N, C-alpha and C. Protein backbone atom coordinates (compact mmCIF):
# COMPACT_ATOMS: atom_id res chain seq x y z
N MET A 1 1.01 -1.09 0.05
CA MET A 1 0.19 0.12 -0.07
C MET A 1 0.84 1.07 -0.07
N ASP A 2 0.91 2.00 -0.84
CA ASP A 2 1.29 3.54 -0.56
C ASP A 2 0.31 4.79 -0.84
N ASN A 3 0.79 6.10 -1.05
CA ASN A 3 0.16 7.24 -0.92
C ASN A 3 -1.16 7.11 -2.16
N LEU A 4 -0.77 6.69 -3.43
CA LEU A 4 -1.92 6.37 -3.98
C LEU A 4 -2.67 5.68 -3.98
N ASP A 5 -2.62 4.46 -3.19
CA ASP A 5 -3.34 3.43 -3.09
C ASP A 5 -4.58 4.10 -2.14
N THR A 6 -4.01 4.82 -0.67
CA THR A 6 -4.64 5.35 0.19
C THR A 6 -5.52 6.45 -0.37
N ALA A 7 -4.62 7.26 -1.50
CA ALA A 7 -5.74 8.67 -2.29
C ALA A 7 -7.20 7.83 -2.77
N ILE A 8 -6.63 6.83 -3.44
CA ILE A 8 -8.32 6.38 -4.02
C ILE A 8 -9.04 5.45 -2.90
N HIS A 9 -8.50 4.93 -2.23
CA HIS A 9 -9.65 4.42 -1.39
C HIS A 9 -10.20 5.61 -0.49
N ASN A 10 -9.72 6.84 0.10
CA ASN A 10 -10.03 7.97 0.87
C ASN A 10 -11.01 8.55 0.02
N THR A 11 -10.54 8.53 -1.73
CA THR A 11 -11.44 9.70 -2.24
C THR A 11 -13.06 8.44 -2.51
N LEU A 12 -12.86 7.48 -2.27
CA LEU A 12 -14.23 6.77 -2.54
C LEU A 12 -14.65 6.80 -1.27
N HIS A 13 -14.25 6.80 -0.41
CA HIS A 13 -14.82 6.42 1.32
C HIS A 13 -15.28 7.37 1.81
N GLN A 14 -14.64 8.59 1.78
CA GLN A 14 -14.51 9.77 2.87
C GLN A 14 -14.82 10.71 1.95
N SER A 15 -15.63 10.59 0.87
CA SER A 15 -16.50 11.57 0.14
C SER A 15 -17.83 11.79 0.79
N ASP A 16 -17.99 13.37 0.20
CA ASP A 16 -19.56 13.39 0.32
C ASP A 16 -20.61 12.44 -0.16
N MET A 17 -20.56 11.93 -1.15
CA MET A 17 -20.97 10.93 -1.80
C MET A 17 -20.90 9.60 -0.91
N ASP A 18 -21.48 8.69 -1.09
CA ASP A 18 -21.37 7.67 -0.32
C ASP A 18 -20.80 6.24 -1.84
N ALA A 19 -20.32 5.46 -1.15
CA ALA A 19 -19.64 4.47 -2.53
C ALA A 19 -20.61 4.64 -3.51
N LYS A 20 -21.91 3.83 -3.24
CA LYS A 20 -22.63 3.44 -3.64
C LYS A 20 -23.24 4.63 -5.03
N ALA A 21 -23.39 6.01 -4.66
CA ALA A 21 -23.62 6.59 -5.34
C ALA A 21 -22.90 7.07 -6.59
N ILE A 22 -21.47 7.02 -5.79
CA ILE A 22 -19.76 7.18 -6.56
C ILE A 22 -20.30 6.25 -7.67
N SER A 23 -20.67 4.95 -7.24
CA SER A 23 -20.19 3.79 -8.49
C SER A 23 -21.27 3.90 -9.36
N SER A 24 -22.52 4.24 -9.00
CA SER A 24 -23.78 4.57 -9.93
C SER A 24 -23.46 5.75 -11.12
N GLU A 25 -22.89 6.84 -10.36
CA GLU A 25 -22.19 8.04 -11.37
C GLU A 25 -21.35 7.41 -12.40
N MET A 26 -20.75 6.53 -11.84
CA MET A 26 -19.52 6.01 -13.01
C MET A 26 -20.00 4.91 -13.78
N GLY A 27 -21.04 4.53 -13.73
CA GLY A 27 -21.61 3.35 -14.42
C GLY A 27 -20.85 1.84 -14.03
N ILE A 28 -20.03 2.08 -12.95
CA ILE A 28 -19.58 0.59 -12.52
C ILE A 28 -20.51 -0.10 -11.41
N VAL A 29 -20.05 -1.64 -11.28
CA VAL A 29 -21.22 -2.01 -10.15
C VAL A 29 -20.26 -1.98 -9.09
N HIS A 30 -21.05 -1.40 -8.00
CA HIS A 30 -20.53 -0.98 -6.75
C HIS A 30 -19.46 -1.74 -6.21
N GLN A 31 -19.87 -3.26 -6.23
CA GLN A 31 -18.39 -4.28 -5.49
C GLN A 31 -17.44 -4.09 -6.35
N VAL A 32 -17.47 -3.85 -7.54
CA VAL A 32 -16.52 -3.87 -8.72
C VAL A 32 -15.28 -2.91 -8.31
N LEU A 33 -16.38 -1.23 -7.85
CA LEU A 33 -15.33 -0.35 -7.66
C LEU A 33 -14.89 -0.33 -6.21
N VAL A 34 -15.66 -1.08 -5.34
CA VAL A 34 -14.68 -1.10 -3.82
C VAL A 34 -13.33 -1.91 -4.08
N ASN A 35 -13.62 -3.38 -4.82
CA ASN A 35 -12.78 -3.64 -4.83
C ASN A 35 -11.19 -2.91 -5.41
N LYS A 36 -11.83 -2.35 -6.62
CA LYS A 36 -10.43 -1.62 -7.42
C LYS A 36 -9.62 -0.35 -6.47
N ALA A 37 -10.98 -0.10 -5.45
CA ALA A 37 -10.22 1.05 -4.37
C ALA A 37 -9.63 0.64 -3.19
N ASN A 38 -9.59 -0.90 -3.30
CA ASN A 38 -9.07 -1.71 -2.19
C ASN A 38 -7.64 -1.41 -2.09
N PRO A 39 -6.62 -0.77 -0.95
CA PRO A 39 -5.46 -0.68 -1.43
C PRO A 39 -4.83 -2.20 -1.10
N HIS A 40 -5.21 -2.99 -0.50
CA HIS A 40 -4.38 -4.20 -0.01
C HIS A 40 -4.71 -5.18 -1.11
N THR A 41 -5.20 -4.83 -2.63
CA THR A 41 -5.36 -5.42 -3.63
C THR A 41 -4.11 -5.04 -4.80
N ASP A 42 -3.60 -5.78 -5.17
CA ASP A 42 -2.56 -5.81 -6.16
C ASP A 42 -3.47 -5.53 -7.59
N SER A 43 -4.34 -6.56 -7.89
CA SER A 43 -5.16 -6.25 -9.11
C SER A 43 -6.18 -5.56 -9.12
N HIS A 44 -6.72 -5.16 -10.27
CA HIS A 44 -8.18 -4.66 -10.35
C HIS A 44 -8.12 -3.57 -9.89
N LYS A 45 -7.60 -2.98 -10.15
CA LYS A 45 -7.00 -1.21 -10.22
C LYS A 45 -7.99 -0.45 -11.24
N LEU A 46 -8.20 0.69 -10.36
CA LEU A 46 -8.74 1.95 -11.26
C LEU A 46 -7.91 2.22 -12.68
N THR A 47 -8.68 2.44 -14.01
CA THR A 47 -7.83 2.90 -15.09
C THR A 47 -7.75 4.52 -14.91
N CYS A 48 -7.06 4.84 -15.51
CA CYS A 48 -6.64 6.58 -15.67
C CYS A 48 -7.90 7.24 -15.38
N ARG A 49 -8.85 6.54 -16.54
CA ARG A 49 -10.06 7.71 -16.82
C ARG A 49 -10.97 7.30 -15.66
N GLU A 50 -11.14 6.21 -15.17
CA GLU A 50 -11.68 5.89 -14.16
C GLU A 50 -11.16 6.78 -12.74
N ALA A 51 -9.97 6.89 -12.48
CA ALA A 51 -9.70 7.75 -11.73
C ALA A 51 -10.12 8.97 -11.53
N LEU A 52 -9.87 9.34 -12.78
CA LEU A 52 -10.31 10.93 -13.20
C LEU A 52 -11.72 10.95 -13.08
N GLN A 53 -12.59 10.18 -13.72
CA GLN A 53 -14.05 10.55 -12.96
C GLN A 53 -14.41 10.44 -11.84
N MET A 54 -13.60 9.43 -11.29
CA MET A 54 -14.21 9.57 -9.56
C MET A 54 -13.65 10.94 -9.10
N GLN A 55 -12.72 11.38 -9.44
CA GLN A 55 -12.33 12.91 -8.80
C GLN A 55 -13.19 14.23 -9.47
N LEU A 56 -13.53 13.73 -10.43
CA LEU A 56 -14.83 14.90 -11.05
C LEU A 56 -16.14 14.58 -10.26
N ILE A 57 -16.64 13.03 -10.07
CA ILE A 57 -17.70 13.25 -9.33
C ILE A 57 -17.37 13.60 -8.19
N THR A 58 -16.91 13.43 -7.40
CA THR A 58 -16.46 13.60 -5.89
C THR A 58 -16.02 15.05 -5.59
N GLY A 59 -15.27 15.35 -6.55
CA GLY A 59 -14.38 16.89 -5.96
C GLY A 59 -13.76 16.34 -5.37
N ASN A 60 -12.84 15.86 -4.99
CA ASN A 60 -11.86 15.35 -4.36
C ASN A 60 -10.60 15.01 -4.90
N HIS A 61 -9.71 15.70 -5.50
CA HIS A 61 -8.64 15.51 -6.00
C HIS A 61 -7.35 14.75 -5.36
N ALA A 62 -7.68 14.16 -4.58
CA ALA A 62 -6.57 13.59 -3.79
C ALA A 62 -5.38 12.61 -4.35
N ILE A 63 -6.30 11.78 -5.46
CA ILE A 63 -5.57 10.89 -5.95
C ILE A 63 -4.27 11.68 -7.18
N HIS A 64 -5.18 13.00 -7.55
CA HIS A 64 -4.00 14.01 -8.40
C HIS A 64 -3.06 14.30 -7.87
N THR A 65 -3.43 14.54 -6.45
CA THR A 65 -2.12 15.00 -5.64
C THR A 65 -1.15 14.34 -5.44
N ALA A 66 -1.81 12.98 -5.10
CA ALA A 66 -0.99 11.81 -4.71
C ALA A 66 0.21 11.60 -6.17
N MET A 67 -0.55 11.39 -7.35
CA MET A 67 0.35 11.08 -8.66
C MET A 67 1.42 12.40 -8.67
N THR A 68 0.70 13.44 -8.59
CA THR A 68 1.58 14.62 -8.91
C THR A 68 3.02 14.60 -7.86
N ASN A 69 2.89 14.14 -6.34
CA ASN A 69 3.72 14.09 -5.41
C ASN A 69 5.02 13.15 -6.09
N ALA A 70 4.35 11.99 -6.26
CA ALA A 70 5.50 10.88 -6.56
C ALA A 70 5.87 11.43 -7.96
N LEU A 71 5.12 11.94 -8.76
CA LEU A 71 6.17 12.21 -9.78
C LEU A 71 7.16 13.29 -9.62
N ASN A 72 6.71 14.14 -8.94
CA ASN A 72 7.86 15.11 -8.26
C ASN A 72 8.98 14.64 -7.38
N VAL A 73 8.83 13.72 -6.61
CA VAL A 73 9.70 12.86 -5.75
C VAL A 73 10.49 12.11 -6.99
N ALA A 74 10.07 11.25 -7.90
CA ALA A 74 10.75 10.80 -9.20
C ALA A 74 11.65 11.59 -9.93
N SER A 75 10.75 12.32 -10.25
CA SER A 75 11.62 13.64 -11.27
C SER A 75 12.95 13.77 -10.50
N LYS A 76 12.99 14.52 -9.33
CA LYS A 76 14.13 14.86 -8.68
C LYS A 76 15.37 13.95 -8.30
N ALA A 77 14.48 12.57 -8.22
CA ALA A 77 15.85 11.52 -7.86
C ALA A 77 16.29 11.55 -9.31
N ALA A 78 15.56 11.51 -10.39
CA ALA A 78 16.12 11.17 -11.64
C ALA A 78 17.13 12.20 -11.98
N ASP A 79 16.94 13.59 -11.45
CA ASP A 79 17.89 14.77 -11.96
C ASP A 79 18.83 14.71 -11.46
N GLY A 80 18.67 13.92 -10.12
CA GLY A 80 20.21 13.88 -8.99
C GLY A 80 20.29 14.74 -7.96
N VAL A 81 18.67 15.36 -7.64
CA VAL A 81 18.50 16.25 -6.61
C VAL A 81 18.88 15.39 -5.55
N PRO A 82 19.90 15.82 -4.27
CA PRO A 82 19.54 14.95 -3.15
C PRO A 82 18.51 15.27 -2.26
N LYS A 83 18.39 14.22 -1.79
CA LYS A 83 16.98 14.50 -0.43
C LYS A 83 17.56 15.13 0.32
N VAL A 84 16.29 15.96 1.03
CA VAL A 84 16.67 16.66 2.34
C VAL A 84 15.97 16.27 3.53
N GLY A 85 16.81 16.10 4.60
CA GLY A 85 15.86 15.56 5.82
C GLY A 85 14.69 16.22 6.28
N ILE A 86 13.65 15.50 7.26
CA ILE A 86 12.63 15.96 7.81
C ILE A 86 12.83 17.27 8.32
N LEU A 87 14.11 17.05 9.46
CA LEU A 87 14.10 17.96 10.26
C LEU A 87 14.90 19.30 9.42
N GLU A 88 15.33 18.91 8.74
CA GLU A 88 16.33 20.12 7.93
C GLU A 88 14.68 21.14 7.34
N SER A 89 14.00 20.09 6.44
CA SER A 89 12.85 20.80 5.66
C SER A 89 11.73 21.54 6.81
N VAL A 90 11.50 21.13 8.01
CA VAL A 90 10.69 21.86 8.70
C VAL A 90 11.47 22.84 9.46
N LEU A 91 12.57 22.91 9.59
CA LEU A 91 13.19 24.41 9.91
C LEU A 91 13.21 25.00 8.72
N ALA A 92 13.26 24.94 7.42
CA ALA A 92 13.14 25.63 6.84
C ALA A 92 11.76 26.40 6.45
N ALA A 93 10.95 25.45 6.41
CA ALA A 93 9.65 25.82 6.18
C ALA A 93 9.06 26.93 7.31
N GLY A 94 9.42 26.74 8.55
CA GLY A 94 9.32 27.43 9.86
C GLY A 94 10.14 28.72 9.55
N LYS A 95 10.99 28.65 8.96
CA LYS A 95 11.64 30.01 8.52
C LYS A 95 11.29 30.91 7.69
N GLU A 96 10.58 30.30 6.69
CA GLU A 96 10.02 30.59 5.46
C GLU A 96 8.93 31.25 5.84
N HIS A 97 8.00 30.83 6.84
CA HIS A 97 6.84 31.20 7.37
C HIS A 97 6.79 32.30 8.00
N GLY A 98 7.97 32.44 9.03
CA GLY A 98 8.42 33.83 9.60
C GLY A 98 9.04 34.63 8.67
N ASP A 99 9.49 34.58 7.21
CA ASP A 99 9.35 35.42 6.60
C ASP A 99 8.09 36.27 5.93
N VAL A 100 7.29 34.95 5.58
CA VAL A 100 6.15 35.92 5.49
C VAL A 100 5.51 36.71 6.41
N LEU A 101 5.22 36.41 7.47
CA LEU A 101 4.77 37.06 8.60
C LEU A 101 5.38 38.23 8.82
N ARG A 102 6.88 38.42 8.63
CA ARG A 102 7.56 39.58 8.70
C ARG A 102 7.53 40.59 7.70
N SER A 103 7.22 40.16 6.59
CA SER A 103 7.18 40.91 5.35
C SER A 103 6.16 41.59 5.39
N ILE A 104 4.74 40.99 5.54
CA ILE A 104 3.48 41.32 5.90
C ILE A 104 3.08 42.50 6.99
N ASN A 105 4.07 42.21 8.26
CA ASN A 105 4.04 43.11 9.43
C ASN A 105 4.60 44.26 9.00
N ASP A 106 5.62 44.24 8.01
CA ASP A 106 6.70 45.39 7.61
C ASP A 106 6.09 46.26 6.51
N ALA A 107 5.40 45.61 5.57
CA ALA A 107 4.28 46.09 4.52
C ALA A 107 3.45 46.98 5.32
N LEU A 108 2.33 46.64 6.28
CA LEU A 108 1.71 47.26 7.16
C LEU A 108 1.83 48.08 8.21
N ALA A 109 3.18 48.25 8.50
CA ALA A 109 3.77 48.98 9.44
C ALA A 109 3.07 50.56 9.48
N ASP A 110 3.19 50.95 8.22
CA ASP A 110 2.97 52.57 7.92
C ASP A 110 1.58 52.87 7.81
N GLY A 111 0.30 51.69 7.59
CA GLY A 111 -0.86 51.78 7.33
C GLY A 111 -1.67 51.83 5.39
N ARG A 112 -0.03 51.35 5.16
CA ARG A 112 0.02 51.23 2.84
C ARG A 112 0.29 49.94 2.96
N PHE A 113 0.07 49.77 1.91
CA PHE A 113 0.39 48.35 1.22
C PHE A 113 0.45 48.66 -0.10
N THR A 114 1.78 49.11 -0.66
CA THR A 114 2.23 49.77 -1.86
C THR A 114 2.01 48.26 -2.69
N LEU A 115 2.40 48.37 -4.07
CA LEU A 115 2.36 47.42 -5.22
C LEU A 115 4.08 46.79 -4.90
N ARG A 116 4.74 47.37 -4.45
CA ARG A 116 6.13 46.92 -3.95
C ARG A 116 6.00 46.14 -2.95
N GLU A 117 5.39 46.29 -1.96
CA GLU A 117 5.43 45.72 -0.61
C GLU A 117 4.28 44.29 -1.02
N GLN A 118 3.33 44.53 -1.83
CA GLN A 118 2.70 43.17 -2.16
C GLN A 118 3.64 42.13 -3.09
N GLU A 119 4.72 42.97 -3.79
CA GLU A 119 5.17 41.95 -4.58
C GLU A 119 6.16 41.18 -3.58
N ALA A 120 6.56 42.12 -2.54
CA ALA A 120 8.09 41.39 -1.65
C ALA A 120 7.01 40.25 -1.17
N CYS A 121 5.95 40.57 -0.30
CA CYS A 121 5.28 39.97 0.20
C CYS A 121 4.52 38.43 -0.86
N GLN A 122 4.23 38.31 -2.14
CA GLN A 122 4.12 37.25 -2.78
C GLN A 122 5.57 36.27 -2.88
N ARG A 123 6.58 37.52 -2.97
CA ARG A 123 7.89 36.64 -3.35
C ARG A 123 7.96 35.58 -1.96
N GLU A 124 7.44 36.08 -0.97
CA GLU A 124 8.16 35.54 0.42
C GLU A 124 6.98 34.00 0.50
N ILE A 125 5.67 34.34 0.04
CA ILE A 125 5.28 33.38 0.20
C ILE A 125 5.49 32.38 -0.75
N THR A 126 5.75 32.54 -1.85
CA THR A 126 6.29 31.96 -2.92
C THR A 126 7.21 30.61 -2.53
N GLU A 127 8.18 31.45 -1.70
CA GLU A 127 9.40 30.77 -0.92
C GLU A 127 8.63 30.07 0.04
N ALA A 128 7.61 30.26 0.84
CA ALA A 128 7.53 29.29 1.98
C ALA A 128 6.43 27.89 1.19
N ILE A 129 5.91 28.24 0.22
CA ILE A 129 5.24 27.26 -0.86
C ILE A 129 6.36 26.24 -1.11
N GLU A 130 7.61 27.08 -1.51
CA GLU A 130 8.68 25.63 -2.27
C GLU A 130 8.92 25.03 -1.14
N ALA A 131 9.10 25.73 0.38
CA ALA A 131 9.66 25.17 1.52
C ALA A 131 8.69 24.00 1.79
N LEU A 132 7.36 24.13 1.79
CA LEU A 132 6.28 23.50 2.32
C LEU A 132 6.26 21.79 1.63
N THR A 133 6.67 22.41 -0.11
CA THR A 133 6.80 21.21 -0.76
C THR A 133 7.83 20.37 -0.46
N GLN A 134 8.99 21.29 -0.34
CA GLN A 134 10.10 20.42 0.19
C GLN A 134 9.83 19.46 1.39
N LEU A 135 9.45 19.74 2.41
CA LEU A 135 8.62 19.45 3.39
C LEU A 135 7.90 17.91 2.91
N ARG A 136 6.93 18.32 2.17
CA ARG A 136 6.33 16.94 1.87
C ARG A 136 6.86 15.97 1.36
N GLU A 137 7.76 16.49 0.19
CA GLU A 137 8.66 15.43 -0.29
C GLU A 137 9.62 14.62 0.87
N SER A 138 10.23 15.74 1.47
CA SER A 138 10.93 14.91 2.56
C SER A 138 10.24 13.83 3.29
N ILE A 139 8.95 14.02 3.76
CA ILE A 139 8.42 13.04 4.26
C ILE A 139 7.81 11.90 3.48
N LEU A 140 7.63 12.24 2.27
CA LEU A 140 7.17 11.13 1.54
C LEU A 140 8.43 10.29 1.07
N THR A 141 9.83 10.59 1.11
CA THR A 141 10.88 9.86 0.58
C THR A 141 11.63 9.41 2.10
N HIS A 142 10.95 9.39 3.79
CA HIS A 142 11.86 9.20 4.70
C HIS A 142 11.88 7.93 4.35
N GLY A 143 12.84 7.22 4.78
CA GLY A 143 13.13 6.12 4.86
C GLY A 143 12.97 5.09 3.45
N ASN A 144 12.98 5.62 2.60
CA ASN A 144 13.12 5.03 0.97
C ASN A 144 14.51 5.05 0.49
């Protein structure tokens, strides 16, 4: 079982719609869909189109997120990008979050929020997002 298997299972069983309603919308027999979403089975998996359809029906994009994360990690590994440890990633994310707060606080100190200040805040937010993405990847690759 991996993150993708968990995402598929959760999309089916933790959505606002129940599994029977989802299977009906998809035109798949309920038990067949339940079997395809079972994370403990290595056969009878969803096709890509079925996974897309289930996400569109439920509004839950966890499958897409799990696939994106796996592809990002694989791409970095293929490019020879070294892994970053969880602790280092947590500290970097915390630092970047602090930088976002500082930039917003500084920008609002005089009661005005200029375009230049907005751009500076946006840069800090982008750096924080990148740090959180690195943290996610560190968690996903921990122990691998």
